[in-house]
Amino acid sequence: MRIGIDAMGGDFAPLNEILGALSCIEECASKLDEILLYGNQTQIEDIAKIQNLDISKLTIVNCLDSVSMHDDPTEILKTKKDSSLYRGTEDLKNKKIDAFASAGNTGATLTFSTILLGRIPGVSRPTIAGFLPTTKSTPTLILDVGATIDQKSRFLFEFALMGSIYFQSVYNKPNPTIGLLNVGQEETKGTDELRDAYKLLKNSSLNFIGNVEGRDILAGTADVVVCDGYVGNVIIKFAESFIPLLKQKVKEYSQKSIISKVQTALSIPVLRGALHGLDYEEYGGVPVLGVNGISVVGHGSSTPKAIKNMIKRSVELANSNLIDKIQSSIKLNT
C-alpha cells in the first residue's frame, strides 16, 4: 500500500503534511508500505530540520512547482505539470501509488483527477461529498458540495448512486437511505430537474425515501442527501462556521464574571465531547467520486490530525474496491 500526499497543498504546507504523515506511520505501520510526499524537496527537508523531525521513513518526490488556492485549474493543467498535484495524480493514473490525497486547491484536484484519471464509464460528472453530524449514530453524507453547480436530473441520480456506494464503504451499512433535497416532501415540489430526478431515483434499485428538507439533514432522516453543488457548498460552509461561532460565544460568556469563568471551565469537556462529530479533522478527507482512481480531497486548513486521518481514509478507500462497486451500480441502474 503506497499513499501519495500533496505536501505543498493546504494553508500550512508542508509542515502539517509532514507531521500528519509521520503520525500516520506510527499508527498504521502494518497497513502502509510507503508514504510519498510530493513537493519541493529542499523546502520539505528544511522545514523538517528546523522542526527537528526525522523524515527518513518518508519518500520525497521532488516537484518544482506548486498549485495555489487561487490558481485557475484549466490553466495550471497546461503550465504546472511539475507541480505536486499534477505529479501525484499522474502517478496515481500510472498505478505507481494506490491513492493520492491533497488539502490544496479543490477545483484543481477535481480537474486533474477528471482529466488525468478519466471518468468511470457511465458517470457524467464526478462529484465531491461531505459529512455532517446528525442526531443518530452515523452522519449524513451530502453530495454534491461544490464540484458541479449545474442541476441536471441525470447528475443528481448519479450522485445518489455513488453516494450510496461510498456510504456503504465507510460505514459498512447495506442499502443506505437516499433523500433528494427539495423545498418540500411532495413528489411534485421543486424544479423540473428535481422532479425528473425524483422519478429516476424512485424507479432505481436504491433505497430512495423521497424528498427531504433542510431540517432533515442534521436529524439524519436520510443517510445520503443529494443536491446540486451550489446548495451543497453553501450548506457545508455554513455548518463549518458553527464551531468558531460557538467558541466565540463561550469565550464572551466566560469573560462576564468569575462565576461564568468557572461555569465555562466545567462545561468545556462536555461541549468538546458533544460536538465531536462536528470536527472536520475526524473525517480527514473525501474522495472525488466517479473517477478511475482514489483521489482524496482534504480541508484547506487541515491540521496534522486531519492529514493523518486523510491518509488513513485513503488506505481504507484503496482497500474498498470502491471504483468497481460504483461501476457495477451505474451499470445496474442504466
C-alpha atoms as a PDB file:
ATOM      1  CA  MET A   1       0.000   0.000   0.000  1.00  0.00           C
ATOM      2  CA  ARG A   2       1.587   3.243  -1.209  1.00  0.00           C
ATOM      3  CA  ILE A   3      -0.130   6.561  -0.465  1.00  0.00           C
ATOM      4  CA  GLY A   4       0.875   9.854  -2.081  1.00  0.00           C
ATOM      5  CA  ILE A   5       0.409  13.202  -0.318  1.00  0.00           C
ATOM      6  CA  ASP A   6       0.428  16.669  -1.863  1.00  0.00           C
ATOM      7  CA  ALA A   7       2.972  18.163   0.525  1.00  0.00           C
ATOM      8  CA  MET A   8       2.543  21.646  -0.962  1.00  0.00           C
ATOM      9  CA  GLY A   9      -1.262  21.754  -0.726  1.00  0.00           C
ATOM     10  CA  GLY A  10      -3.139  23.375   2.137  1.00  0.00           C
ATOM     11  CA  ASP A  11      -2.776  26.514   4.212  1.00  0.00           C
ATOM     12  CA  PHE A  12       0.014  25.156   6.426  1.00  0.00           C
ATOM     13  CA  ALA A  13       2.010  23.084   3.957  1.00  0.00           C
ATOM     14  CA  PRO A  14       4.390  21.394   4.085  1.00  0.00           C
ATOM     15  CA  LEU A  15       4.706  21.257   7.899  1.00  0.00           C
ATOM     16  CA  ASN A  16       1.247  19.848   8.653  1.00  0.00           C
ATOM     17  CA  GLU A  17       1.595  17.327   5.831  1.00  0.00           C
ATOM     18  CA  ILE A  18       4.909  16.132   7.256  1.00  0.00           C
ATOM     19  CA  LEU A  19       3.548  15.907  10.809  1.00  0.00           C
ATOM     20  CA  GLY A  20       0.398  14.120   9.667  1.00  0.00           C
ATOM     21  CA  ALA A  21       2.378  11.619   7.600  1.00  0.00           C
ATOM     22  CA  LEU A  22       4.763  10.868  10.488  1.00  0.00           C
ATOM     23  CA  SER A  23       1.837  10.408  12.866  1.00  0.00           C
ATOM     24  CA  CYS A  24       0.144   8.034  10.422  1.00  0.00           C
ATOM     25  CA  ILE A  25       3.300   5.940  10.064  1.00  0.00           C
ATOM     26  CA  GLU A  26       3.346   5.445  13.824  1.00  0.00           C
ATOM     27  CA  GLU A  27      -0.307   4.378  13.957  1.00  0.00           C
ATOM     28  CA  CYS A  28      -0.648   2.452  10.693  1.00  0.00           C
ATOM     29  CA  ALA A  29       2.729   0.812  10.119  1.00  0.00           C
ATOM     30  CA  SER A  30       1.121  -2.579   9.474  1.00  0.00           C
ATOM     31  CA  LYS A  31      -1.239  -1.182   6.814  1.00  0.00           C
ATOM     32  CA  LEU A  32       1.192   1.082   4.966  1.00  0.00           C
ATOM     33  CA  ASP A  33       4.227   0.194   2.906  1.00  0.00           C
ATOM     34  CA  GLU A  34       5.158   3.742   1.959  1.00  0.00           C
ATOM     35  CA  ILE A  35       4.033   7.362   2.198  1.00  0.00           C
ATOM     36  CA  LEU A  36       5.278   9.601  -0.588  1.00  0.00           C
ATOM     37  CA  LEU A  37       5.436  13.362  -0.140  1.00  0.00           C
ATOM     38  CA  TYR A  38       5.112  15.196  -3.453  1.00  0.00           C
ATOM     39  CA  GLY A  39       6.658  18.644  -3.211  1.00  0.00           C
ATOM     40  CA  ASN A  40       9.731  20.826  -3.136  1.00  0.00           C
ATOM     41  CA  GLN A  41      12.374  18.578  -1.605  1.00  0.00           C
ATOM     42  CA  THR A  42      14.560  21.413  -0.353  1.00  0.00           C
ATOM     43  CA  GLN A  43      11.656  23.120   1.367  1.00  0.00           C
ATOM     44  CA  ILE A  44      10.418  19.877   2.923  1.00  0.00           C
ATOM     45  CA  GLU A  45      13.871  18.968   4.232  1.00  0.00           C
ATOM     46  CA  ASP A  46      14.492  22.498   5.552  1.00  0.00           C
ATOM     47  CA  ILE A  47      11.196  22.531   7.469  1.00  0.00           C
ATOM     48  CA  ALA A  48      11.930  19.074   8.883  1.00  0.00           C
ATOM     49  CA  LYS A  49      15.379  20.206  10.003  1.00  0.00           C
ATOM     50  CA  ILE A  50      14.050  23.356  11.672  1.00  0.00           C
ATOM     51  CA  GLN A  51      11.381  21.324  13.486  1.00  0.00           C
ATOM     52  CA  ASN A  52      13.856  18.539  14.330  1.00  0.00           C
ATOM     53  CA  LEU A  53      11.738  15.914  12.556  1.00  0.00           C
ATOM     54  CA  ASP A  54      13.063  12.588  11.324  1.00  0.00           C
ATOM     55  CA  ILE A  55      11.599  12.123   7.835  1.00  0.00           C
ATOM     56  CA  SER A  56      13.793   9.175   6.855  1.00  0.00           C
ATOM     57  CA  LYS A  57      10.736   6.904   6.706  1.00  0.00           C
ATOM     58  CA  LEU A  58       9.036   9.186   4.183  1.00  0.00           C
ATOM     59  CA  THR A  59       9.767   9.204   0.448  1.00  0.00           C
ATOM     60  CA  ILE A  60      10.066  12.631  -1.141  1.00  0.00           C
ATOM     61  CA  VAL A  61       9.138  13.058  -4.795  1.00  0.00           C
ATOM     62  CA  ASN A  62      10.764  16.332  -5.798  1.00  0.00           C
ATOM     63  CA  CYS A  63       8.412  18.708  -7.652  1.00  0.00           C
ATOM     64  CA  LEU A  64       9.498  22.202  -8.638  1.00  0.00           C
ATOM     65  CA  ASP A  65       6.020  23.737  -8.987  1.00  0.00           C
ATOM     66  CA  SER A  66       3.079  24.038  -6.632  1.00  0.00           C
ATOM     67  CA  VAL A  67      -0.581  24.942  -7.061  1.00  0.00           C
ATOM     68  CA  SER A  68      -2.021  27.794  -5.007  1.00  0.00           C
ATOM     69  CA  MET A  69      -5.610  28.153  -3.882  1.00  0.00           C
ATOM     70  CA  HIS A  70      -6.102  30.972  -6.407  1.00  0.00           C
ATOM     71  CA  ASP A  71      -4.710  29.235  -9.499  1.00  0.00           C
ATOM     72  CA  ASP A  72      -7.105  28.557 -12.352  1.00  0.00           C
ATOM     73  CA  PRO A  73      -7.453  24.752 -12.730  1.00  0.00           C
ATOM     74  CA  THR A  74      -7.559  24.745 -16.537  1.00  0.00           C
ATOM     75  CA  GLU A  75      -4.504  26.972 -16.842  1.00  0.00           C
ATOM     76  CA  ILE A  76      -2.288  25.065 -14.418  1.00  0.00           C
ATOM     77  CA  LEU A  77      -3.179  21.820 -16.150  1.00  0.00           C
ATOM     78  CA  LYS A  78      -1.108  23.163 -19.057  1.00  0.00           C
ATOM     79  CA  THR A  79       1.526  25.204 -17.240  1.00  0.00           C
ATOM     80  CA  LYS A  80       2.292  23.343 -13.993  1.00  0.00           C
ATOM     81  CA  LYS A  81       2.952  19.752 -14.979  1.00  0.00           C
ATOM     82  CA  ASP A  82       5.808  19.601 -12.479  1.00  0.00           C
ATOM     83  CA  SER A  83       3.537  20.607  -9.618  1.00  0.00           C
ATOM     84  CA  SER A  84       2.992  18.283  -6.675  1.00  0.00           C
ATOM     85  CA  LEU A  85      -0.708  17.978  -7.512  1.00  0.00           C
ATOM     86  CA  TYR A  86      -0.132  17.072 -11.156  1.00  0.00           C
ATOM     87  CA  ARG A  87       2.729  14.658 -10.493  1.00  0.00           C
ATOM     88  CA  GLY A  88       0.845  12.858  -7.736  1.00  0.00           C
ATOM     89  CA  THR A  89      -2.305  12.466  -9.816  1.00  0.00           C
ATOM     90  CA  GLU A  90      -0.222  11.286 -12.760  1.00  0.00           C
ATOM     91  CA  ASP A  91       1.478   8.635 -10.606  1.00  0.00           C
ATOM     92  CA  LEU A  92      -1.940   7.525  -9.404  1.00  0.00           C
ATOM     93  CA  LYS A  93      -3.030   7.148 -13.025  1.00  0.00           C
ATOM     94  CA  ASN A  94       0.080   5.080 -13.778  1.00  0.00           C
ATOM     95  CA  LYS A  95      -0.555   2.950 -10.650  1.00  0.00           C
ATOM     96  CA  LYS A  96       2.718   3.906  -9.015  1.00  0.00           C
ATOM     97  CA  ILE A  97       0.685   4.727  -5.917  1.00  0.00           C
ATOM     98  CA  ASP A  98      -2.624   3.335  -4.616  1.00  0.00           C
ATOM     99  CA  ALA A  99      -4.174   6.665  -3.617  1.00  0.00           C
ATOM    100  CA  PHE A 100      -3.321  10.360  -3.687  1.00  0.00           C
ATOM    101  CA  ALA A 101      -4.539  12.954  -1.198  1.00  0.00           C
ATOM    102  CA  SER A 102      -4.395  16.742  -1.226  1.00  0.00           C
ATOM    103  CA  ALA A 103      -5.579  19.515   1.082  1.00  0.00           C
ATOM    104  CA  GLY A 104      -4.865  22.047  -1.655  1.00  0.00           C
ATOM    105  CA  ASN A 105      -6.916  23.630  -4.431  1.00  0.00           C
ATOM    106  CA  THR A 106     -10.149  21.599  -4.610  1.00  0.00           C
ATOM    107  CA  GLY A 107     -11.052  22.801  -8.093  1.00  0.00           C
ATOM    108  CA  ALA A 108      -7.623  21.837  -9.399  1.00  0.00           C
ATOM    109  CA  THR A 109      -7.799  18.436  -7.688  1.00  0.00           C
ATOM    110  CA  LEU A 110     -11.167  17.788  -9.295  1.00  0.00           C
ATOM    111  CA  THR A 111      -9.942  18.926 -12.730  1.00  0.00           C
ATOM    112  CA  PHE A 112      -6.688  16.958 -12.589  1.00  0.00           C
ATOM    113  CA  SER A 113      -8.488  13.849 -11.346  1.00  0.00           C
ATOM    114  CA  THR A 114     -11.158  14.043 -14.044  1.00  0.00           C
ATOM    115  CA  ILE A 115      -8.780  14.674 -16.952  1.00  0.00           C
ATOM    116  CA  LEU A 116      -5.782  12.557 -15.924  1.00  0.00           C
ATOM    117  CA  LEU A 117      -7.596   9.620 -14.305  1.00  0.00           C
ATOM    118  CA  GLY A 118     -10.668   9.692 -16.508  1.00  0.00           C
ATOM    119  CA  ARG A 119     -14.263   9.078 -15.513  1.00  0.00           C
ATOM    120  CA  ILE A 120     -15.739   5.716 -14.613  1.00  0.00           C
ATOM    121  CA  PRO A 121     -17.793   4.533 -17.620  1.00  0.00           C
ATOM    122  CA  GLY A 122     -21.351   5.820 -17.308  1.00  0.00           C
ATOM    123  CA  VAL A 123     -20.514   8.713 -14.980  1.00  0.00           C
ATOM    124  CA  SER A 124     -21.479  12.105 -16.436  1.00  0.00           C
ATOM    125  CA  ARG A 125     -19.921  14.281 -13.738  1.00  0.00           C
ATOM    126  CA  PRO A 126     -17.564  13.338 -10.894  1.00  0.00           C
ATOM    127  CA  THR A 127     -18.657  14.618  -7.508  1.00  0.00           C
ATOM    128  CA  ILE A 128     -17.309  15.510  -4.080  1.00  0.00           C
ATOM    129  CA  ALA A 129     -19.253  14.695  -0.931  1.00  0.00           C
ATOM    130  CA  GLY A 130     -19.135  15.895   2.659  1.00  0.00           C
ATOM    131  CA  PHE A 131     -20.265  14.524   6.015  1.00  0.00           C
ATOM    132  CA  LEU A 132     -22.415  16.358   8.548  1.00  0.00           C
ATOM    133  CA  PRO A 133     -23.209  15.054  12.059  1.00  0.00           C
ATOM    134  CA  THR A 134     -26.748  14.004  12.920  1.00  0.00           C
ATOM    135  CA  THR A 135     -28.804  13.102  15.962  1.00  0.00           C
ATOM    136  CA  LYS A 136     -28.198   9.459  15.046  1.00  0.00           C
ATOM    137  CA  SER A 137     -25.101   7.284  15.389  1.00  0.00           C
ATOM    138  CA  THR A 138     -23.882   7.972  11.842  1.00  0.00           C
ATOM    139  CA  PRO A 139     -23.539  11.259   9.947  1.00  0.00           C
ATOM    140  CA  THR A 140     -25.330  12.285   6.786  1.00  0.00           C
ATOM    141  CA  LEU A 141     -23.412  12.282   3.522  1.00  0.00           C
ATOM    142  CA  ILE A 142     -24.191  15.305   1.335  1.00  0.00           C
ATOM    143  CA  LEU A 143     -23.326  15.450  -2.329  1.00  0.00           C
ATOM    144  CA  ASP A 144     -22.520  17.384  -4.348  1.00  0.00           C
ATOM    145  CA  VAL A 145     -20.734  20.004  -2.216  1.00  0.00           C
ATOM    146  CA  GLY A 146     -19.283  22.196  -4.934  1.00  0.00           C
ATOM    147  CA  ALA A 147     -17.952  20.137  -7.829  1.00  0.00           C
ATOM    148  CA  THR A 148     -20.976  20.568 -10.101  1.00  0.00           C
ATOM    149  CA  ILE A 149     -23.135  23.678  -9.980  1.00  0.00           C
ATOM    150  CA  ASP A 150     -25.481  22.566 -12.785  1.00  0.00           C
ATOM    151  CA  GLN A 151     -28.700  20.968 -11.588  1.00  0.00           C
ATOM    152  CA  LYS A 152     -29.338  18.181 -14.076  1.00  0.00           C
ATOM    153  CA  SER A 153     -31.567  15.260 -13.125  1.00  0.00           C
ATOM    154  CA  ARG A 154     -29.058  12.760 -14.512  1.00  0.00           C
ATOM    155  CA  PHE A 155     -26.254  14.262 -12.414  1.00  0.00           C
ATOM    156  CA  LEU A 156     -28.335  14.103  -9.236  1.00  0.00           C
ATOM    157  CA  PHE A 157     -29.241  10.475  -9.962  1.00  0.00           C
ATOM    158  CA  GLU A 158     -25.597   9.507 -10.432  1.00  0.00           C
ATOM    159  CA  PHE A 159     -24.617  11.384  -7.260  1.00  0.00           C
ATOM    160  CA  ALA A 160     -27.111   9.219  -5.375  1.00  0.00           C
ATOM    161  CA  LEU A 161     -25.652   6.019  -6.848  1.00  0.00           C
ATOM    162  CA  MET A 162     -22.079   6.983  -5.976  1.00  0.00           C
ATOM    163  CA  GLY A 163     -23.037   8.357  -2.571  1.00  0.00           C
ATOM    164  CA  SER A 164     -24.803   5.129  -1.660  1.00  0.00           C
ATOM    165  CA  ILE A 165     -21.737   3.035  -2.525  1.00  0.00           C
ATOM    166  CA  TYR A 166     -19.403   5.396  -0.667  1.00  0.00           C
ATOM    167  CA  PHE A 167     -21.564   5.440   2.468  1.00  0.00           C
ATOM    168  CA  GLN A 168     -21.645   1.645   2.455  1.00  0.00           C
ATOM    169  CA  SER A 169     -17.858   1.527   2.140  1.00  0.00           C
ATOM    170  CA  VAL A 170     -17.271   3.900   5.047  1.00  0.00           C
ATOM    171  CA  TYR A 171     -19.926   2.685   7.494  1.00  0.00           C
ATOM    172  CA  ASN A 172     -20.483  -0.877   6.298  1.00  0.00           C
ATOM    173  CA  LYS A 173     -24.219  -0.225   6.144  1.00  0.00           C
ATOM    174  CA  PRO A 174     -26.008  -2.096   3.358  1.00  0.00           C
ATOM    175  CA  ASN A 175     -28.619  -0.255   1.307  1.00  0.00           C
ATOM    176  CA  PRO A 176     -28.357   3.208   2.932  1.00  0.00           C
ATOM    177  CA  THR A 177     -31.339   5.522   2.626  1.00  0.00           C
ATOM    178  CA  ILE A 178     -31.281   8.240  -0.041  1.00  0.00           C
ATOM    179  CA  GLY A 179     -33.059  11.589   0.155  1.00  0.00           C
ATOM    180  CA  LEU A 180     -33.394  14.272  -2.533  1.00  0.00           C
ATOM    181  CA  LEU A 181     -33.044  17.777  -1.064  1.00  0.00           C
ATOM    182  CA  ASN A 182     -36.046  19.885  -2.008  1.00  0.00           C
ATOM    183  CA  VAL A 183     -38.325  22.647  -0.751  1.00  0.00           C
ATOM    184  CA  GLY A 184     -40.988  20.152   0.287  1.00  0.00           C
ATOM    185  CA  GLN A 185     -41.596  16.443   0.665  1.00  0.00           C
ATOM    186  CA  GLU A 186     -44.242  16.148  -2.037  1.00  0.00           C
ATOM    187  CA  GLU A 187     -43.201  14.487  -5.294  1.00  0.00           C
ATOM    188  CA  THR A 188     -44.431  17.486  -7.292  1.00  0.00           C
ATOM    189  CA  LYS A 189     -42.213  20.018  -5.473  1.00  0.00           C
ATOM    190  CA  GLY A 190     -39.186  21.777  -6.943  1.00  0.00           C
ATOM    191  CA  THR A 191     -37.843  22.452 -10.400  1.00  0.00           C
ATOM    192  CA  ASP A 192     -38.353  20.296 -13.487  1.00  0.00           C
ATOM    193  CA  GLU A 193     -34.886  18.784 -12.952  1.00  0.00           C
ATOM    194  CA  LEU A 194     -35.681  17.860  -9.348  1.00  0.00           C
ATOM    195  CA  ARG A 195     -38.978  16.262 -10.346  1.00  0.00           C
ATOM    196  CA  ASP A 196     -37.223  14.274 -13.081  1.00  0.00           C
ATOM    197  CA  ALA A 197     -34.501  13.235 -10.622  1.00  0.00           C
ATOM    198  CA  TYR A 198     -37.221  12.063  -8.235  1.00  0.00           C
ATOM    199  CA  LYS A 199     -38.629   9.759 -10.939  1.00  0.00           C
ATOM    200  CA  LEU A 200     -35.197   8.343 -11.763  1.00  0.00           C
ATOM    201  CA  LEU A 201     -34.475   7.625  -8.101  1.00  0.00           C
ATOM    202  CA  LYS A 202     -37.925   6.193  -7.453  1.00  0.00           C
ATOM    203  CA  ASN A 203     -37.521   3.694 -10.307  1.00  0.00           C
ATOM    204  CA  SER A 204     -33.967   2.682  -9.335  1.00  0.00           C
ATOM    205  CA  SER A 205     -32.649  -0.091  -7.092  1.00  0.00           C
ATOM    206  CA  LEU A 206     -31.599   2.486  -4.494  1.00  0.00           C
ATOM    207  CA  ASN A 207     -33.261   2.790  -1.085  1.00  0.00           C
ATOM    208  CA  PHE A 208     -34.879   6.102  -2.013  1.00  0.00           C
ATOM    209  CA  ILE A 209     -37.137   7.574   0.693  1.00  0.00           C
ATOM    210  CA  GLY A 210     -38.271  10.635  -1.280  1.00  0.00           C
ATOM    211  CA  ASN A 211     -37.704  14.348  -0.899  1.00  0.00           C
ATOM    212  CA  VAL A 212     -36.119  15.711   2.271  1.00  0.00           C
ATOM    213  CA  GLU A 213     -35.864  19.288   3.525  1.00  0.00           C
ATOM    214  CA  GLY A 214     -33.053  21.245   5.130  1.00  0.00           C
ATOM    215  CA  ARG A 215     -34.246  20.394   8.648  1.00  0.00           C
ATOM    216  CA  ASP A 216     -33.915  16.680   7.852  1.00  0.00           C
ATOM    217  CA  ILE A 217     -30.139  16.817   7.301  1.00  0.00           C
ATOM    218  CA  LEU A 218     -28.996  17.078  10.913  1.00  0.00           C
ATOM    219  CA  ALA A 219     -31.911  14.893  12.011  1.00  0.00           C
ATOM    220  CA  GLY A 220     -30.388  12.052   9.981  1.00  0.00           C
ATOM    221  CA  THR A 221     -33.617  11.372   8.105  1.00  0.00           C
ATOM    222  CA  ALA A 222     -31.563  10.019   5.186  1.00  0.00           C
ATOM    223  CA  ASP A 223     -28.080   8.525   5.188  1.00  0.00           C
ATOM    224  CA  VAL A 224     -27.305  10.243   1.885  1.00  0.00           C
ATOM    225  CA  VAL A 225     -28.724  13.612   0.825  1.00  0.00           C
ATOM    226  CA  VAL A 226     -28.439  14.586  -2.836  1.00  0.00           C
ATOM    227  CA  CYS A 227     -28.368  18.162  -4.116  1.00  0.00           C
ATOM    228  CA  ASP A 228     -26.571  20.320  -6.667  1.00  0.00           C
ATOM    229  CA  GLY A 229     -23.120  21.680  -5.859  1.00  0.00           C
ATOM    230  CA  TYR A 230     -24.264  25.246  -5.266  1.00  0.00           C
ATOM    231  CA  VAL A 231     -26.670  24.295  -2.492  1.00  0.00           C
ATOM    232  CA  GLY A 232     -24.369  21.642  -1.055  1.00  0.00           C
ATOM    233  CA  ASN A 233     -21.426  24.004  -0.834  1.00  0.00           C
ATOM    234  CA  VAL A 234     -23.496  26.625   0.984  1.00  0.00           C
ATOM    235  CA  ILE A 235     -24.699  24.000   3.485  1.00  0.00           C
ATOM    236  CA  ILE A 236     -21.206  22.670   4.206  1.00  0.00           C
ATOM    237  CA  LYS A 237     -19.639  26.126   4.543  1.00  0.00           C
ATOM    238  CA  PHE A 238     -22.468  27.266   6.817  1.00  0.00           C
ATOM    239  CA  ALA A 239     -22.001  24.188   9.019  1.00  0.00           C
ATOM    240  CA  GLU A 240     -18.251  24.829   9.250  1.00  0.00           C
ATOM    241  CA  SER A 241     -18.958  28.289  10.662  1.00  0.00           C
ATOM    242  CA  PHE A 242     -20.862  26.916  13.643  1.00  0.00           C
ATOM    243  CA  ILE A 243     -17.892  25.785  15.761  1.00  0.00           C
ATOM    244  CA  PRO A 244     -15.988  29.131  15.513  1.00  0.00           C
ATOM    245  CA  LEU A 245     -19.224  30.951  16.422  1.00  0.00           C
ATOM    246  CA  LEU A 246     -19.793  28.705  19.421  1.00  0.00           C
ATOM    247  CA  LYS A 247     -16.203  29.147  20.618  1.00  0.00           C
ATOM    248  CA  GLN A 248     -16.532  32.921  20.386  1.00  0.00           C
ATOM    249  CA  LYS A 249     -19.831  32.938  22.289  1.00  0.00           C
ATOM    250  CA  VAL A 250     -18.421  30.691  25.030  1.00  0.00           C
ATOM    251  CA  LYS A 251     -15.373  32.954  25.324  1.00  0.00           C
ATOM    252  CA  GLU A 252     -17.552  36.056  25.588  1.00  0.00           C
ATOM    253  CA  TYR A 253     -19.676  34.427  28.271  1.00  0.00           C
ATOM    254  CA  SER A 254     -16.645  33.323  30.292  1.00  0.00           C
ATOM    255  CA  GLN A 255     -15.409  36.924  30.492  1.00  0.00           C
ATOM    256  CA  LYS A 256     -18.554  38.245  32.157  1.00  0.00           C
ATOM    257  CA  SER A 257     -17.656  37.243  35.722  1.00  0.00           C
ATOM    258  CA  ILE A 258     -15.701  34.858  37.938  1.00  0.00           C
ATOM    259  CA  ILE A 259     -18.757  32.619  38.200  1.00  0.00           C
ATOM    260  CA  SER A 260     -19.139  32.468  34.415  1.00  0.00           C
ATOM    261  CA  LYS A 261     -15.456  31.526  34.090  1.00  0.00           C
ATOM    262  CA  VAL A 262     -15.955  28.618  36.481  1.00  0.00           C
ATOM    263  CA  GLN A 263     -19.120  27.532  34.674  1.00  0.00           C
ATOM    264  CA  THR A 264     -17.329  27.668  31.330  1.00  0.00           C
ATOM    265  CA  ALA A 265     -14.377  25.659  32.603  1.00  0.00           C
ATOM    266  CA  LEU A 266     -16.726  22.949  33.901  1.00  0.00           C
ATOM    267  CA  SER A 267     -18.719  22.810  30.662  1.00  0.00           C
ATOM    268  CA  ILE A 268     -15.817  22.653  28.182  1.00  0.00           C
ATOM    269  CA  PRO A 269     -15.237  18.863  28.469  1.00  0.00           C
ATOM    270  CA  VAL A 270     -18.954  18.262  27.948  1.00  0.00           C
ATOM    271  CA  LEU A 271     -19.090  20.569  24.934  1.00  0.00           C
ATOM    272  CA  ARG A 272     -15.981  19.017  23.432  1.00  0.00           C
ATOM    273  CA  GLY A 273     -17.453  15.534  23.702  1.00  0.00           C
ATOM    274  CA  ALA A 274     -20.908  16.512  22.476  1.00  0.00           C
ATOM    275  CA  LEU A 275     -19.586  18.366  19.438  1.00  0.00           C
ATOM    276  CA  HIS A 276     -17.011  15.741  18.487  1.00  0.00           C
ATOM    277  CA  GLY A 277     -18.934  14.859  15.331  1.00  0.00           C
ATOM    278  CA  LEU A 278     -18.685  18.424  14.027  1.00  0.00           C
ATOM    279  CA  ASP A 279     -14.897  18.246  13.897  1.00  0.00           C
ATOM    280  CA  TYR A 280     -13.795  18.008  10.261  1.00  0.00           C
ATOM    281  CA  GLU A 281     -10.430  16.626  11.436  1.00  0.00           C
ATOM    282  CA  GLU A 282     -12.097  13.317  12.273  1.00  0.00           C
ATOM    283  CA  TYR A 283     -13.238  12.753   8.680  1.00  0.00           C
ATOM    284  CA  GLY A 284      -9.853  13.684   7.202  1.00  0.00           C
ATOM    285  CA  GLY A 285     -10.933  13.893   3.589  1.00  0.00           C
ATOM    286  CA  VAL A 286     -13.384  12.650   0.987  1.00  0.00           C
ATOM    287  CA  PRO A 287     -12.763  11.070  -2.418  1.00  0.00           C
ATOM    288  CA  VAL A 288     -13.529  12.512  -5.814  1.00  0.00           C
ATOM    289  CA  LEU A 289     -16.293  10.065  -6.703  1.00  0.00           C
ATOM    290  CA  GLY A 290     -16.658   8.971 -10.307  1.00  0.00           C
ATOM    291  CA  VAL A 291     -13.013   8.958 -11.424  1.00  0.00           C
ATOM    292  CA  ASN A 292     -10.736   5.987 -12.102  1.00  0.00           C
ATOM    293  CA  GLY A 293      -8.571   6.304  -9.028  1.00  0.00           C
ATOM    294  CA  ILE A 294      -8.649   7.069  -5.312  1.00  0.00           C
ATOM    295  CA  SER A 295      -8.135  10.832  -5.285  1.00  0.00           C
ATOM    296  CA  VAL A 296      -8.895  12.284  -1.850  1.00  0.00           C
ATOM    297  CA  VAL A 297      -9.657  15.933  -1.063  1.00  0.00           C
ATOM    298  CA  GLY A 298      -8.963  17.435   2.366  1.00  0.00           C
ATOM    299  CA  HIS A 299      -9.810  20.733   4.045  1.00  0.00           C
ATOM    300  CA  GLY A 300      -7.522  23.634   3.130  1.00  0.00           C
ATOM    301  CA  SER A 301      -6.789  24.381   6.785  1.00  0.00           C
ATOM    302  CA  SER A 302      -6.114  20.730   7.642  1.00  0.00           C
ATOM    303  CA  THR A 303      -4.220  20.161  10.892  1.00  0.00           C
ATOM    304  CA  PRO A 304      -1.690  17.330  11.300  1.00  0.00           C
ATOM    305  CA  LYS A 305      -4.520  15.274  12.813  1.00  0.00           C
ATOM    306  CA  ALA A 306      -6.703  15.908   9.762  1.00  0.00           C
ATOM    307  CA  ILE A 307      -3.823  14.977   7.417  1.00  0.00           C
ATOM    308  CA  LYS A 308      -3.250  11.771   9.379  1.00  0.00           C
ATOM    309  CA  ASN A 309      -6.925  10.851   9.087  1.00  0.00           C
ATOM    310  CA  MET A 310      -6.919  11.783   5.405  1.00  0.00           C
ATOM    311  CA  ILE A 311      -4.132   9.257   4.815  1.00  0.00           C
ATOM    312  CA  LYS A 312      -5.973   6.631   6.857  1.00  0.00           C
ATOM    313  CA  ARG A 313      -9.129   7.274   4.836  1.00  0.00           C
ATOM    314  CA  SER A 314      -7.081   6.909   1.630  1.00  0.00           C
ATOM    315  CA  VAL A 315      -5.861   3.493   2.782  1.00  0.00           C
ATOM    316  CA  GLU A 316      -9.415   2.380   3.600  1.00  0.00           C
ATOM    317  CA  LEU A 317     -10.708   3.525   0.224  1.00  0.00           C
ATOM    318  CA  ALA A 318      -7.845   1.911  -1.666  1.00  0.00           C
ATOM    319  CA  ASN A 319      -8.785  -1.382   0.004  1.00  0.00           C
ATOM    320  CA  SER A 320     -12.543  -0.988  -0.516  1.00  0.00           C
ATOM    321  CA  ASN A 321     -12.877  -1.801  -4.235  1.00  0.00           C
ATOM    322  CA  LEU A 322     -14.854   1.451  -4.443  1.00  0.00           C
ATOM    323  CA  ILE A 323     -14.381   2.103  -8.152  1.00  0.00           C
ATOM    324  CA  ASP A 324     -15.566  -1.349  -9.257  1.00  0.00           C
ATOM    325  CA  LYS A 325     -18.581  -1.070  -6.964  1.00  0.00           C
ATOM    326  CA  ILE A 326     -19.553   2.307  -8.449  1.00  0.00           C
ATOM    327  CA  GLN A 327     -19.151   0.970 -11.974  1.00  0.00           C
ATOM    328  CA  SER A 328     -21.359  -2.026 -11.182  1.00  0.00           C
ATOM    329  CA  SER A 329     -24.014   0.215  -9.634  1.00  0.00           C
ATOM    330  CA  ILE A 330     -24.010   2.522 -12.663  1.00  0.00           C
ATOM    331  CA  LYS A 331     -24.441  -0.474 -14.998  1.00  0.00           C
ATOM    332  CA  LEU A 332     -27.261  -1.909 -12.886  1.00  0.00           C
ATOM    333  CA  ASN A 333     -29.241   1.328 -12.922  1.00  0.00           C
ATOM    334  CA  THR A 334     -28.769   2.436 -16.533  1.00  0.00           C
END
